[in-house]
Amino acid sequence: MEGRPLDEHLLIERARRGDEEAYAELVHAYEGIAFRTAYLLTRSAADAEDAAQDGFVKAWRALGRFRAGAPFRPWLLRIVANEAHNRRRSAGRRADVALRAAAEDPSGGAAPSPEAGLMDAERRDTLLAAVNTLPDDQRAVVALRYFVGLSEEETAEVLDVPRGTIKSRTARALERLRETYG
């Protein structure tokens, strides 16, 4: 399509008038770069696919606001990138909530003193903040090993990596936490 901007402009105009086949041609022309863009931002093939698809749907709905004669590719990729960023932020919030939920330790019936509860909450929040700064692969290992309580073997199975990889990621993560958390 890049060598035929006139055809692209005609497809865009037809799509703006509601021609779904013209828009399908545009989607076909840009689906590869839309996926690659989303993947670079989300680092997840599933999220990238969803972000690209949602981006195309939102672009279809927003075609009436597209400025005639403007370059289509940057406009479309901005929409896809926004979707990818939203998915990445949402995934981060879900991971943070899951990490907090996994880290909570039931008291076993004994209520701690208010002071002890506050100190424990402060320590937990500081530790969770430090864990959340780890790279994704190290954070996953720490969360599964120490917050969920899985063995090295179980963690390796869940993450589908060799046990030695779990050991090295754990060692690197713990070293980073020692530097950060003390």
N, C-alpha and C. Protein backbone atom coordinates (compact mmCIF):
# COMPACT_ATOMS: atom_id res chain seq x y z
N MET A 1 0.83 -1.20 0.00
CA MET A 1 0.00 0.00 0.00
C MET A 1 0.86 1.26 0.00
N GLU A 2 2.05 1.18 0.59
CA GLU A 2 2.85 2.39 0.70
C GLU A 2 3.19 2.98 -0.66
N GLY A 3 3.35 2.13 -1.69
CA GLY A 3 3.69 2.64 -3.01
C GLY A 3 2.48 3.17 -3.76
N ARG A 4 1.28 3.02 -3.18
CA ARG A 4 0.05 3.45 -3.85
C ARG A 4 -0.81 4.30 -2.93
N PRO A 5 -0.33 5.48 -2.56
CA PRO A 5 -1.09 6.31 -1.61
C PRO A 5 -2.45 6.72 -2.15
N LEU A 6 -2.57 6.87 -3.48
CA LEU A 6 -3.86 7.25 -4.06
C LEU A 6 -4.91 6.18 -3.76
N ASP A 7 -4.51 4.90 -3.96
CA ASP A 7 -5.44 3.81 -3.66
C ASP A 7 -5.82 3.81 -2.17
N GLU A 8 -4.83 4.07 -1.30
CA GLU A 8 -5.11 4.12 0.13
C GLU A 8 -6.12 5.22 0.43
N HIS A 9 -5.92 6.39 -0.16
CA HIS A 9 -6.85 7.49 0.08
C HIS A 9 -8.25 7.14 -0.42
N LEU A 10 -8.33 6.44 -1.55
CA LEU A 10 -9.64 6.02 -2.07
C LEU A 10 -10.28 5.00 -1.13
N LEU A 11 -9.47 4.07 -0.62
CA LEU A 11 -10.01 3.09 0.33
C LEU A 11 -10.51 3.78 1.59
N ILE A 12 -9.76 4.74 2.07
CA ILE A 12 -10.17 5.47 3.27
C ILE A 12 -11.48 6.21 3.02
N GLU A 13 -11.60 6.88 1.89
CA GLU A 13 -12.83 7.60 1.58
C GLU A 13 -14.02 6.65 1.45
N ARG A 14 -13.78 5.51 0.80
CA ARG A 14 -14.87 4.51 0.69
C ARG A 14 -15.25 4.00 2.09
N ALA A 15 -14.24 3.74 2.91
CA ALA A 15 -14.51 3.25 4.27
C ALA A 15 -15.25 4.30 5.08
N ARG A 16 -14.90 5.56 4.90
CA ARG A 16 -15.58 6.64 5.63
C ARG A 16 -17.06 6.71 5.26
N ARG A 17 -17.38 6.27 4.06
CA ARG A 17 -18.78 6.24 3.62
C ARG A 17 -19.48 4.94 4.01
N GLY A 18 -18.77 4.08 4.77
CA GLY A 18 -19.39 2.86 5.28
C GLY A 18 -19.07 1.60 4.52
N ASP A 19 -18.15 1.65 3.58
CA ASP A 19 -17.78 0.47 2.79
C ASP A 19 -16.88 -0.44 3.64
N GLU A 20 -17.46 -1.52 4.14
CA GLU A 20 -16.73 -2.44 5.01
C GLU A 20 -15.63 -3.18 4.25
N GLU A 21 -15.85 -3.47 2.98
CA GLU A 21 -14.82 -4.17 2.20
C GLU A 21 -13.58 -3.29 2.03
N ALA A 22 -13.78 -2.01 1.83
CA ALA A 22 -12.64 -1.09 1.71
C ALA A 22 -11.87 -1.06 3.03
N TYR A 23 -12.59 -1.03 4.15
CA TYR A 23 -11.91 -1.02 5.43
C TYR A 23 -11.19 -2.34 5.68
N ALA A 24 -11.79 -3.45 5.23
CA ALA A 24 -11.13 -4.76 5.37
C ALA A 24 -9.81 -4.77 4.62
N GLU A 25 -9.73 -4.11 3.47
CA GLU A 25 -8.46 -4.02 2.74
C GLU A 25 -7.43 -3.21 3.53
N LEU A 26 -7.88 -2.15 4.16
CA LEU A 26 -6.97 -1.36 4.99
C LEU A 26 -6.46 -2.19 6.18
N VAL A 27 -7.37 -2.93 6.80
CA VAL A 27 -6.99 -3.79 7.92
C VAL A 27 -5.95 -4.81 7.45
N HIS A 28 -6.20 -5.41 6.31
CA HIS A 28 -5.28 -6.40 5.78
C HIS A 28 -3.90 -5.78 5.52
N ALA A 29 -3.89 -4.58 5.01
CA ALA A 29 -2.62 -3.91 4.71
C ALA A 29 -1.83 -3.56 5.97
N TYR A 30 -2.51 -3.28 7.07
CA TYR A 30 -1.83 -2.78 8.27
C TYR A 30 -1.86 -3.73 9.46
N GLU A 31 -2.44 -4.91 9.32
CA GLU A 31 -2.56 -5.79 10.48
C GLU A 31 -1.19 -6.24 11.01
N GLY A 32 -0.23 -6.45 10.15
CA GLY A 32 1.09 -6.89 10.60
C GLY A 32 1.79 -5.84 11.45
N ILE A 33 1.83 -4.63 10.96
CA ILE A 33 2.51 -3.57 11.70
C ILE A 33 1.73 -3.19 12.96
N ALA A 34 0.42 -3.31 12.91
CA ALA A 34 -0.38 -3.02 14.11
C ALA A 34 -0.07 -4.04 15.20
N PHE A 35 0.01 -5.31 14.82
CA PHE A 35 0.34 -6.35 15.80
C PHE A 35 1.74 -6.13 16.37
N ARG A 36 2.72 -5.87 15.49
CA ARG A 36 4.10 -5.67 15.96
C ARG A 36 4.19 -4.48 16.92
N THR A 37 3.48 -3.42 16.59
CA THR A 37 3.48 -2.24 17.47
C THR A 37 2.91 -2.60 18.84
N ALA A 38 1.78 -3.27 18.83
CA ALA A 38 1.13 -3.64 20.10
C ALA A 38 2.00 -4.63 20.88
N TYR A 39 2.64 -5.53 20.18
CA TYR A 39 3.47 -6.53 20.86
C TYR A 39 4.66 -5.87 21.56
N LEU A 40 5.29 -4.92 20.90
CA LEU A 40 6.42 -4.24 21.51
C LEU A 40 6.02 -3.51 22.79
N LEU A 41 4.79 -3.07 22.85
CA LEU A 41 4.32 -2.33 24.02
C LEU A 41 3.77 -3.23 25.11
N THR A 42 3.12 -4.33 24.74
CA THR A 42 2.51 -5.20 25.74
C THR A 42 3.40 -6.36 26.16
N ARG A 43 4.31 -6.74 25.28
CA ARG A 43 5.17 -7.91 25.48
C ARG A 43 4.37 -9.19 25.68
N SER A 44 3.18 -9.23 25.09
CA SER A 44 2.32 -10.40 25.17
C SER A 44 1.60 -10.55 23.84
N ALA A 45 1.73 -11.72 23.23
CA ALA A 45 1.09 -11.94 21.93
C ALA A 45 -0.43 -11.84 22.05
N ALA A 46 -0.99 -12.39 23.11
CA ALA A 46 -2.44 -12.35 23.28
C ALA A 46 -2.93 -10.91 23.47
N ASP A 47 -2.24 -10.16 24.32
CA ASP A 47 -2.63 -8.77 24.54
C ASP A 47 -2.41 -7.94 23.28
N ALA A 48 -1.34 -8.24 22.54
CA ALA A 48 -1.07 -7.51 21.31
C ALA A 48 -2.16 -7.77 20.28
N GLU A 49 -2.58 -9.01 20.18
CA GLU A 49 -3.67 -9.35 19.25
C GLU A 49 -4.94 -8.59 19.61
N ASP A 50 -5.27 -8.63 20.89
CA ASP A 50 -6.47 -7.93 21.35
C ASP A 50 -6.37 -6.42 21.14
N ALA A 51 -5.20 -5.87 21.46
CA ALA A 51 -5.01 -4.42 21.30
C ALA A 51 -5.12 -4.02 19.84
N ALA A 52 -4.52 -4.80 18.95
CA ALA A 52 -4.59 -4.49 17.52
C ALA A 52 -6.04 -4.58 17.04
N GLN A 53 -6.71 -5.63 17.43
CA GLN A 53 -8.11 -5.81 17.02
C GLN A 53 -8.99 -4.68 17.55
N ASP A 54 -8.84 -4.36 18.81
CA ASP A 54 -9.62 -3.26 19.39
C ASP A 54 -9.26 -1.93 18.72
N GLY A 55 -7.97 -1.77 18.39
CA GLY A 55 -7.54 -0.56 17.70
C GLY A 55 -8.21 -0.42 16.35
N PHE A 56 -8.31 -1.51 15.60
CA PHE A 56 -8.99 -1.47 14.30
C PHE A 56 -10.48 -1.14 14.46
N VAL A 57 -11.10 -1.70 15.47
CA VAL A 57 -12.52 -1.41 15.70
C VAL A 57 -12.71 0.06 16.06
N LYS A 58 -11.86 0.57 16.95
CA LYS A 58 -11.96 1.98 17.33
C LYS A 58 -11.65 2.90 16.16
N ALA A 59 -10.70 2.52 15.32
CA ALA A 59 -10.38 3.32 14.14
C ALA A 59 -11.57 3.35 13.18
N TRP A 60 -12.23 2.22 13.00
CA TRP A 60 -13.43 2.16 12.14
C TRP A 60 -14.49 3.13 12.65
N ARG A 61 -14.70 3.10 13.95
CA ARG A 61 -15.71 3.99 14.54
C ARG A 61 -15.31 5.46 14.47
N ALA A 62 -14.00 5.73 14.44
CA ALA A 62 -13.51 7.11 14.44
C ALA A 62 -13.18 7.62 13.04
N LEU A 63 -13.44 6.84 12.01
CA LEU A 63 -13.08 7.26 10.66
C LEU A 63 -13.69 8.61 10.29
N GLY A 64 -14.86 8.90 10.82
CA GLY A 64 -15.49 10.19 10.54
C GLY A 64 -14.67 11.36 11.03
N ARG A 65 -13.83 11.13 12.04
CA ARG A 65 -12.98 12.20 12.58
C ARG A 65 -11.60 12.23 11.95
N PHE A 66 -11.30 11.23 11.10
CA PHE A 66 -10.01 11.19 10.43
C PHE A 66 -9.94 12.33 9.42
N ARG A 67 -8.85 13.07 9.48
CA ARG A 67 -8.67 14.22 8.61
C ARG A 67 -8.30 13.75 7.20
N ALA A 68 -9.12 14.05 6.23
CA ALA A 68 -8.89 13.63 4.84
C ALA A 68 -7.52 14.13 4.38
N GLY A 69 -6.78 13.25 3.73
CA GLY A 69 -5.47 13.61 3.22
C GLY A 69 -4.34 13.40 4.21
N ALA A 70 -4.65 13.20 5.48
CA ALA A 70 -3.62 12.96 6.49
C ALA A 70 -3.09 11.54 6.34
N PRO A 71 -1.88 11.28 6.80
CA PRO A 71 -1.36 9.91 6.72
C PRO A 71 -2.16 8.98 7.63
N PHE A 72 -2.58 7.87 7.07
CA PHE A 72 -3.43 6.94 7.80
C PHE A 72 -2.64 6.09 8.80
N ARG A 73 -1.47 5.61 8.38
CA ARG A 73 -0.72 4.68 9.22
C ARG A 73 -0.40 5.25 10.60
N PRO A 74 0.15 6.46 10.73
CA PRO A 74 0.43 6.98 12.08
C PRO A 74 -0.84 7.16 12.92
N TRP A 75 -1.91 7.56 12.26
CA TRP A 75 -3.18 7.74 12.97
C TRP A 75 -3.67 6.41 13.52
N LEU A 76 -3.63 5.38 12.70
CA LEU A 76 -4.07 4.05 13.11
C LEU A 76 -3.16 3.50 14.21
N LEU A 77 -1.86 3.61 14.03
CA LEU A 77 -0.92 3.05 15.01
C LEU A 77 -0.99 3.77 16.35
N ARG A 78 -1.35 5.02 16.34
CA ARG A 78 -1.54 5.73 17.62
C ARG A 78 -2.71 5.12 18.39
N ILE A 79 -3.78 4.81 17.67
CA ILE A 79 -4.94 4.17 18.31
C ILE A 79 -4.55 2.81 18.86
N VAL A 80 -3.82 2.02 18.05
CA VAL A 80 -3.37 0.70 18.49
C VAL A 80 -2.44 0.83 19.69
N ALA A 81 -1.52 1.78 19.64
CA ALA A 81 -0.59 1.98 20.76
C ALA A 81 -1.32 2.37 22.03
N ASN A 82 -2.32 3.21 21.92
CA ASN A 82 -3.11 3.58 23.10
C ASN A 82 -3.80 2.36 23.69
N GLU A 83 -4.34 1.51 22.83
CA GLU A 83 -4.97 0.28 23.31
C GLU A 83 -3.94 -0.62 24.00
N ALA A 84 -2.76 -0.72 23.41
CA ALA A 84 -1.70 -1.55 23.99
C ALA A 84 -1.27 -1.00 25.35
N HIS A 85 -1.09 0.33 25.44
CA HIS A 85 -0.73 0.94 26.72
C HIS A 85 -1.80 0.69 27.77
N ASN A 86 -3.06 0.80 27.38
CA ASN A 86 -4.15 0.55 28.32
C ASN A 86 -4.11 -0.88 28.82
N ARG A 87 -3.86 -1.82 27.93
CA ARG A 87 -3.79 -3.23 28.33
C ARG A 87 -2.60 -3.47 29.25
N ARG A 88 -1.47 -2.85 28.95
CA ARG A 88 -0.27 -3.02 29.77
C ARG A 88 -0.50 -2.46 31.18
N ARG A 89 -1.10 -1.26 31.26
CA ARG A 89 -1.39 -0.66 32.57
C ARG A 89 -2.38 -1.54 33.34
N SER A 90 -3.39 -2.01 32.65
CA SER A 90 -4.41 -2.85 33.28
C SER A 90 -3.78 -4.14 33.78
N ALA A 91 -2.92 -4.75 32.99
CA ALA A 91 -2.25 -5.98 33.40
C ALA A 91 -1.37 -5.72 34.62
N GLY A 92 -0.70 -4.57 34.66
CA GLY A 92 0.13 -4.21 35.80
C GLY A 92 -0.68 -4.05 37.06
N ARG A 93 -1.84 -3.43 36.94
CA ARG A 93 -2.71 -3.26 38.11
C ARG A 93 -3.22 -4.61 38.59
N ARG A 94 -3.60 -5.49 37.65
CA ARG A 94 -4.08 -6.82 38.05
C ARG A 94 -2.97 -7.60 38.73
N ALA A 95 -1.74 -7.52 38.21
CA ALA A 95 -0.62 -8.23 38.82
C ALA A 95 -0.34 -7.69 40.21
N ASP A 96 -0.41 -6.36 40.39
CA ASP A 96 -0.17 -5.75 41.69
C ASP A 96 -1.23 -6.20 42.70
N VAL A 97 -2.49 -6.23 42.28
CA VAL A 97 -3.57 -6.68 43.17
C VAL A 97 -3.37 -8.15 43.52
N ALA A 98 -3.01 -8.97 42.53
CA ALA A 98 -2.79 -10.39 42.79
C ALA A 98 -1.62 -10.59 43.74
N LEU A 99 -0.57 -9.81 43.55
CA LEU A 99 0.59 -9.91 44.41
C LEU A 99 0.24 -9.53 45.84
N ARG A 100 -0.53 -8.46 46.00
CA ARG A 100 -0.95 -8.05 47.34
C ARG A 100 -1.82 -9.12 47.99
N ALA A 101 -2.76 -9.68 47.23
CA ALA A 101 -3.65 -10.72 47.77
C ALA A 101 -2.85 -11.95 48.17
N ALA A 102 -1.87 -12.33 47.35
CA ALA A 102 -1.07 -13.51 47.66
C ALA A 102 -0.17 -13.27 48.86
N ALA A 103 0.23 -12.03 49.09
CA ALA A 103 1.15 -11.72 50.19
C ALA A 103 0.44 -11.63 51.54
N GLU A 104 -0.86 -11.45 51.54
CA GLU A 104 -1.57 -11.32 52.80
C GLU A 104 -1.51 -12.64 53.56
N ASP A 105 -1.17 -12.56 54.82
CA ASP A 105 -1.01 -13.75 55.65
C ASP A 105 -2.10 -13.75 56.70
N PRO A 106 -3.02 -14.72 56.63
CA PRO A 106 -4.07 -14.75 57.65
C PRO A 106 -3.46 -14.94 59.04
N SER A 107 -4.07 -14.32 60.01
CA SER A 107 -3.49 -14.30 61.35
C SER A 107 -3.68 -15.60 62.12
N GLY A 108 -4.46 -16.51 61.61
CA GLY A 108 -4.67 -17.77 62.33
C GLY A 108 -5.50 -17.59 63.58
N GLY A 109 -6.32 -16.56 63.62
CA GLY A 109 -7.22 -16.36 64.74
C GLY A 109 -6.72 -15.36 65.77
N ALA A 110 -5.41 -15.13 65.84
CA ALA A 110 -4.87 -14.20 66.81
C ALA A 110 -4.74 -12.82 66.18
N ALA A 111 -5.34 -11.85 66.83
CA ALA A 111 -5.28 -10.48 66.30
C ALA A 111 -4.01 -9.81 66.78
N PRO A 112 -3.22 -9.25 65.84
CA PRO A 112 -2.01 -8.54 66.28
C PRO A 112 -2.38 -7.22 66.92
N SER A 113 -1.46 -6.69 67.70
CA SER A 113 -1.70 -5.38 68.30
C SER A 113 -1.77 -4.35 67.17
N PRO A 114 -2.41 -3.20 67.40
CA PRO A 114 -2.49 -2.18 66.36
C PRO A 114 -1.11 -1.73 65.89
N GLU A 115 -0.15 -1.62 66.83
CA GLU A 115 1.20 -1.21 66.45
C GLU A 115 1.87 -2.25 65.57
N ALA A 116 1.75 -3.52 65.96
CA ALA A 116 2.35 -4.61 65.19
C ALA A 116 1.70 -4.70 63.81
N GLY A 117 0.40 -4.53 63.77
CA GLY A 117 -0.30 -4.56 62.50
C GLY A 117 0.16 -3.46 61.56
N LEU A 118 0.36 -2.27 62.11
CA LEU A 118 0.82 -1.14 61.30
C LEU A 118 2.24 -1.38 60.80
N MET A 119 3.12 -1.87 61.69
CA MET A 119 4.50 -2.16 61.29
C MET A 119 4.53 -3.22 60.20
N ASP A 120 3.73 -4.30 60.39
CA ASP A 120 3.69 -5.36 59.39
C ASP A 120 3.18 -4.84 58.06
N ALA A 121 2.16 -4.00 58.09
CA ALA A 121 1.60 -3.44 56.86
C ALA A 121 2.62 -2.56 56.15
N GLU A 122 3.36 -1.76 56.91
CA GLU A 122 4.38 -0.89 56.32
C GLU A 122 5.50 -1.73 55.69
N ARG A 123 5.94 -2.76 56.40
CA ARG A 123 6.99 -3.64 55.85
C ARG A 123 6.50 -4.35 54.59
N ARG A 124 5.28 -4.85 54.65
CA ARG A 124 4.71 -5.54 53.50
C ARG A 124 4.60 -4.61 52.30
N ASP A 125 4.13 -3.39 52.52
CA ASP A 125 4.00 -2.42 51.42
C ASP A 125 5.36 -2.07 50.82
N THR A 126 6.37 -1.91 51.68
CA THR A 126 7.72 -1.60 51.20
C THR A 126 8.26 -2.77 50.39
N LEU A 127 8.09 -3.98 50.89
CA LEU A 127 8.56 -5.17 50.18
C LEU A 127 7.82 -5.32 48.85
N LEU A 128 6.52 -5.16 48.86
CA LEU A 128 5.75 -5.29 47.61
C LEU A 128 6.16 -4.24 46.59
N ALA A 129 6.45 -3.05 47.05
CA ALA A 129 6.91 -2.01 46.13
C ALA A 129 8.24 -2.41 45.51
N ALA A 130 9.13 -2.98 46.33
CA ALA A 130 10.42 -3.44 45.81
C ALA A 130 10.23 -4.60 44.83
N VAL A 131 9.37 -5.54 45.15
CA VAL A 131 9.11 -6.67 44.26
C VAL A 131 8.52 -6.18 42.94
N ASN A 132 7.66 -5.19 43.00
CA ASN A 132 7.04 -4.67 41.78
C ASN A 132 8.03 -3.96 40.86
N THR A 133 9.23 -3.62 41.37
CA THR A 133 10.24 -3.01 40.51
C THR A 133 11.07 -4.05 39.76
N LEU A 134 10.94 -5.31 40.14
CA LEU A 134 11.70 -6.38 39.49
C LEU A 134 11.22 -6.56 38.05
N PRO A 135 12.09 -7.05 37.17
CA PRO A 135 11.64 -7.41 35.83
C PRO A 135 10.54 -8.47 35.91
N ASP A 136 9.70 -8.52 34.91
CA ASP A 136 8.53 -9.41 34.92
C ASP A 136 8.89 -10.85 35.25
N ASP A 137 9.95 -11.39 34.62
CA ASP A 137 10.27 -12.80 34.85
C ASP A 137 10.72 -13.05 36.29
N GLN A 138 11.47 -12.13 36.87
CA GLN A 138 11.91 -12.28 38.26
C GLN A 138 10.75 -12.08 39.23
N ARG A 139 9.88 -11.10 38.93
CA ARG A 139 8.72 -10.85 39.79
C ARG A 139 7.82 -12.08 39.82
N ALA A 140 7.63 -12.72 38.67
CA ALA A 140 6.78 -13.91 38.61
C ALA A 140 7.35 -15.03 39.48
N VAL A 141 8.66 -15.23 39.41
CA VAL A 141 9.30 -16.27 40.21
C VAL A 141 9.14 -15.98 41.70
N VAL A 142 9.43 -14.75 42.10
CA VAL A 142 9.32 -14.39 43.52
C VAL A 142 7.87 -14.55 44.00
N ALA A 143 6.94 -14.09 43.19
CA ALA A 143 5.53 -14.18 43.58
C ALA A 143 5.10 -15.63 43.75
N LEU A 144 5.46 -16.48 42.79
CA LEU A 144 5.06 -17.89 42.88
C LEU A 144 5.78 -18.63 44.00
N ARG A 145 7.08 -18.37 44.16
CA ARG A 145 7.86 -19.09 45.18
C ARG A 145 7.52 -18.64 46.59
N TYR A 146 7.46 -17.32 46.82
CA TYR A 146 7.36 -16.84 48.19
C TYR A 146 5.98 -16.36 48.60
N PHE A 147 5.22 -15.86 47.68
CA PHE A 147 3.88 -15.38 48.04
C PHE A 147 2.83 -16.47 47.86
N VAL A 148 2.97 -17.28 46.82
CA VAL A 148 2.03 -18.37 46.60
C VAL A 148 2.51 -19.63 47.31
N GLY A 149 3.83 -19.77 47.46
CA GLY A 149 4.38 -20.90 48.21
C GLY A 149 4.66 -22.13 47.37
N LEU A 150 4.89 -21.96 46.08
CA LEU A 150 5.20 -23.11 45.23
C LEU A 150 6.67 -23.50 45.37
N SER A 151 6.95 -24.76 45.15
CA SER A 151 8.34 -25.23 45.15
C SER A 151 9.02 -24.78 43.86
N GLU A 152 10.34 -24.96 43.81
CA GLU A 152 11.06 -24.63 42.57
C GLU A 152 10.50 -25.42 41.40
N GLU A 153 10.27 -26.71 41.64
CA GLU A 153 9.76 -27.59 40.58
C GLU A 153 8.37 -27.13 40.10
N GLU A 154 7.50 -26.82 41.03
CA GLU A 154 6.16 -26.35 40.66
C GLU A 154 6.22 -25.01 39.92
N THR A 155 7.09 -24.12 40.39
CA THR A 155 7.24 -22.83 39.74
C THR A 155 7.75 -23.01 38.31
N ALA A 156 8.71 -23.92 38.13
CA ALA A 156 9.23 -24.21 36.79
C ALA A 156 8.12 -24.74 35.88
N GLU A 157 7.27 -25.57 36.44
CA GLU A 157 6.17 -26.13 35.65
C GLU A 157 5.16 -25.05 35.28
N VAL A 158 4.81 -24.22 36.24
CA VAL A 158 3.83 -23.16 35.98
C VAL A 158 4.34 -22.19 34.92
N LEU A 159 5.63 -21.83 35.02
CA LEU A 159 6.21 -20.85 34.09
C LEU A 159 6.75 -21.51 32.82
N ASP A 160 6.75 -22.85 32.80
CA ASP A 160 7.22 -23.61 31.64
C ASP A 160 8.66 -23.27 31.28
N VAL A 161 9.50 -23.27 32.31
CA VAL A 161 10.94 -23.05 32.12
C VAL A 161 11.68 -24.11 32.92
N PRO A 162 12.95 -24.37 32.59
CA PRO A 162 13.73 -25.35 33.36
C PRO A 162 13.91 -24.91 34.82
N ARG A 163 14.10 -25.90 35.67
CA ARG A 163 14.28 -25.63 37.10
C ARG A 163 15.50 -24.75 37.35
N GLY A 164 16.56 -24.95 36.58
CA GLY A 164 17.76 -24.13 36.72
C GLY A 164 17.48 -22.66 36.44
N THR A 165 16.56 -22.39 35.52
CA THR A 165 16.16 -21.01 35.22
C THR A 165 15.47 -20.40 36.42
N ILE A 166 14.66 -21.19 37.10
CA ILE A 166 13.97 -20.70 38.31
C ILE A 166 15.01 -20.36 39.37
N LYS A 167 16.02 -21.22 39.52
CA LYS A 167 17.06 -20.96 40.52
C LYS A 167 17.81 -19.67 40.21
N SER A 168 18.19 -19.48 38.95
CA SER A 168 18.97 -18.28 38.61
C SER A 168 18.11 -17.02 38.71
N ARG A 169 16.85 -17.08 38.29
CA ARG A 169 15.97 -15.92 38.41
C ARG A 169 15.73 -15.57 39.87
N THR A 170 15.56 -16.60 40.68
CA THR A 170 15.35 -16.38 42.12
C THR A 170 16.57 -15.71 42.72
N ALA A 171 17.74 -16.21 42.40
CA ALA A 171 18.98 -15.64 42.95
C ALA A 171 19.13 -14.18 42.53
N ARG A 172 18.90 -13.89 41.25
CA ARG A 172 19.02 -12.50 40.78
C ARG A 172 17.98 -11.60 41.44
N ALA A 173 16.75 -12.10 41.56
CA ALA A 173 15.68 -11.31 42.17
C ALA A 173 15.99 -11.02 43.63
N LEU A 174 16.43 -12.03 44.36
CA LEU A 174 16.73 -11.84 45.78
C LEU A 174 17.90 -10.87 45.97
N GLU A 175 18.89 -10.93 45.09
CA GLU A 175 20.01 -10.00 45.17
C GLU A 175 19.51 -8.57 44.95
N ARG A 176 18.66 -8.38 43.94
CA ARG A 176 18.11 -7.04 43.68
C ARG A 176 17.27 -6.56 44.88
N LEU A 177 16.50 -7.47 45.46
CA LEU A 177 15.67 -7.07 46.62
C LEU A 177 16.54 -6.71 47.81
N ARG A 178 17.64 -7.44 48.01
CA ARG A 178 18.56 -7.10 49.11
C ARG A 178 19.12 -5.69 48.91
N GLU A 179 19.47 -5.38 47.66
CA GLU A 179 20.02 -4.05 47.37
C GLU A 179 18.95 -2.97 47.59
N THR A 180 17.73 -3.26 47.17
CA THR A 180 16.65 -2.28 47.25
C THR A 180 16.02 -2.23 48.62
N TYR A 181 15.70 -3.37 49.16
CA TYR A 181 14.92 -3.48 50.39
C TYR A 181 15.77 -3.53 51.64
N GLY A 182 16.98 -4.05 51.48
CA GLY A 182 17.86 -4.16 52.65
C GLY A 182 17.63 -5.46 53.27
